[in-house]
């Protein structure tokens, strides 16, 4: 699930090569959306590119 400001927006389906597509929850439209990016040297996915925009995963308290 992809949420924007805490509001669910789309259902995410992952594919080979760290790519994904999304299905809009309001319209049901499915589209190619982007890819996941891993933190260099660590390998943890910390960013996604969504239709040309970069979203950064928030760091959680440890």
C-alpha atoms as a PDB file:
ATOM      1  CA  UNK A   1       0.000   0.000   0.000  1.00  0.00           C
ATOM      2  CA  UNK A   2       1.255   3.480  -0.854  1.00  0.00           C
ATOM      3  CA  UNK A   3       0.063   6.303   1.399  1.00  0.00           C
ATOM      4  CA  UNK A   4       0.506  10.041   0.978  1.00  0.00           C
ATOM      5  CA  UNK A   5       0.398  12.035   4.212  1.00  0.00           C
ATOM      6  CA  UNK A   6      -1.053   8.931   5.893  1.00  0.00           C
ATOM      7  CA  UNK A   7      -3.911   8.504   3.402  1.00  0.00           C
ATOM      8  CA  UNK A   8      -3.916   5.238   1.371  1.00  0.00           C
ATOM      9  CA  UNK A   9      -3.638   6.027  -2.352  1.00  0.00           C
ATOM     10  CA  UNK A  10      -2.648   2.879  -4.249  1.00  0.00           C
ATOM     11  CA  UNK A  11      -2.014  -0.844  -3.998  1.00  0.00           C
ATOM     12  CA  UNK A  12       1.609  -1.639  -4.943  1.00  0.00           C
ATOM     13  CA  UNK A  13       2.671  -4.806  -6.824  1.00  0.00           C
ATOM     14  CA  UNK A  14       6.402  -5.583  -7.009  1.00  0.00           C
ATOM     15  CA  UNK A  15       8.114  -7.056 -10.104  1.00  0.00           C
ATOM     16  CA  UNK A  16      11.606  -8.307 -11.034  1.00  0.00           C
ATOM     17  CA  UNK A  17      14.443  -5.789 -10.964  1.00  0.00           C
ATOM     18  CA  UNK A  18      13.006  -3.819  -8.014  1.00  0.00           C
ATOM     19  CA  UNK A  19      10.313  -2.276 -10.227  1.00  0.00           C
ATOM     20  CA  UNK A  20       6.676  -1.947  -9.241  1.00  0.00           C
ATOM     21  CA  UNK A  21       3.265  -0.967 -10.536  1.00  0.00           C
ATOM     22  CA  UNK A  22       0.395   0.624  -8.671  1.00  0.00           C
ATOM     23  CA  UNK A  23      -3.403   0.328  -8.786  1.00  0.00           C
ATOM     24  CA  UNK A  24      -5.185   3.558  -7.884  1.00  0.00           C
ATOM     25  CA  UNK A  25      -7.670   2.881  -5.053  1.00  0.00           C
ATOM     26  CA  UNK A  26     -10.214   5.446  -6.337  1.00  0.00           C
ATOM     27  CA  UNK A  27     -10.250   4.613 -10.060  1.00  0.00           C
ATOM     28  CA  UNK A  28      -8.873   1.053 -10.135  1.00  0.00           C
ATOM     29  CA  UNK A  29      -6.492   2.136 -12.918  1.00  0.00           C
ATOM     30  CA  UNK A  30      -3.234   0.158 -13.010  1.00  0.00           C
ATOM     31  CA  UNK A  31      -0.044   1.809 -14.225  1.00  0.00           C
ATOM     32  CA  UNK A  32       3.704   1.282 -14.293  1.00  0.00           C
ATOM     33  CA  UNK A  33       4.960   3.441 -11.489  1.00  0.00           C
ATOM     34  CA  UNK A  34       8.640   3.164 -10.729  1.00  0.00           C
ATOM     35  CA  UNK A  35      11.472   1.366  -9.015  1.00  0.00           C
ATOM     36  CA  UNK A  36      13.050   0.892  -5.612  1.00  0.00           C
ATOM     37  CA  UNK A  37      16.540   2.215  -4.869  1.00  0.00           C
ATOM     38  CA  UNK A  38      18.923   0.716  -2.305  1.00  0.00           C
ATOM     39  CA  UNK A  39      21.189   2.641   0.043  1.00  0.00           C
ATOM     40  CA  UNK A  40      24.742   2.411  -1.384  1.00  0.00           C
ATOM     41  CA  UNK A  41      26.998   0.013   0.519  1.00  0.00           C
ATOM     42  CA  UNK A  42      24.149  -1.196   2.730  1.00  0.00           C
ATOM     43  CA  UNK A  43      21.612  -2.660   0.315  1.00  0.00           C
ATOM     44  CA  UNK A  44      18.572  -1.549   2.348  1.00  0.00           C
ATOM     45  CA  UNK A  45      15.825  -0.100   0.171  1.00  0.00           C
ATOM     46  CA  UNK A  46      15.473   3.484   1.344  1.00  0.00           C
ATOM     47  CA  UNK A  47      14.031   5.341  -1.660  1.00  0.00           C
ATOM     48  CA  UNK A  48      11.552   4.835  -4.469  1.00  0.00           C
ATOM     49  CA  UNK A  49      11.121   6.630  -7.762  1.00  0.00           C
ATOM     50  CA  UNK A  50       7.422   7.119  -8.452  1.00  0.00           C
ATOM     51  CA  UNK A  51       6.530   8.449 -11.908  1.00  0.00           C
ATOM     52  CA  UNK A  52       9.759  10.471 -12.012  1.00  0.00           C
ATOM     53  CA  UNK A  53       9.612  11.744  -8.412  1.00  0.00           C
ATOM     54  CA  UNK A  54      11.848  10.551  -5.597  1.00  0.00           C
ATOM     55  CA  UNK A  55      10.317   9.488  -2.270  1.00  0.00           C
ATOM     56  CA  UNK A  56      12.593   8.817   0.704  1.00  0.00           C
ATOM     57  CA  UNK A  57      11.741   6.236   3.350  1.00  0.00           C
ATOM     58  CA  UNK A  58      11.602   7.917   6.761  1.00  0.00           C
ATOM     59  CA  UNK A  59      14.175   6.693   9.255  1.00  0.00           C
ATOM     60  CA  UNK A  60      12.683   4.967  12.276  1.00  0.00           C
ATOM     61  CA  UNK A  61      13.939   5.426  15.825  1.00  0.00           C
ATOM     62  CA  UNK A  62      16.331   2.708  16.905  1.00  0.00           C
END
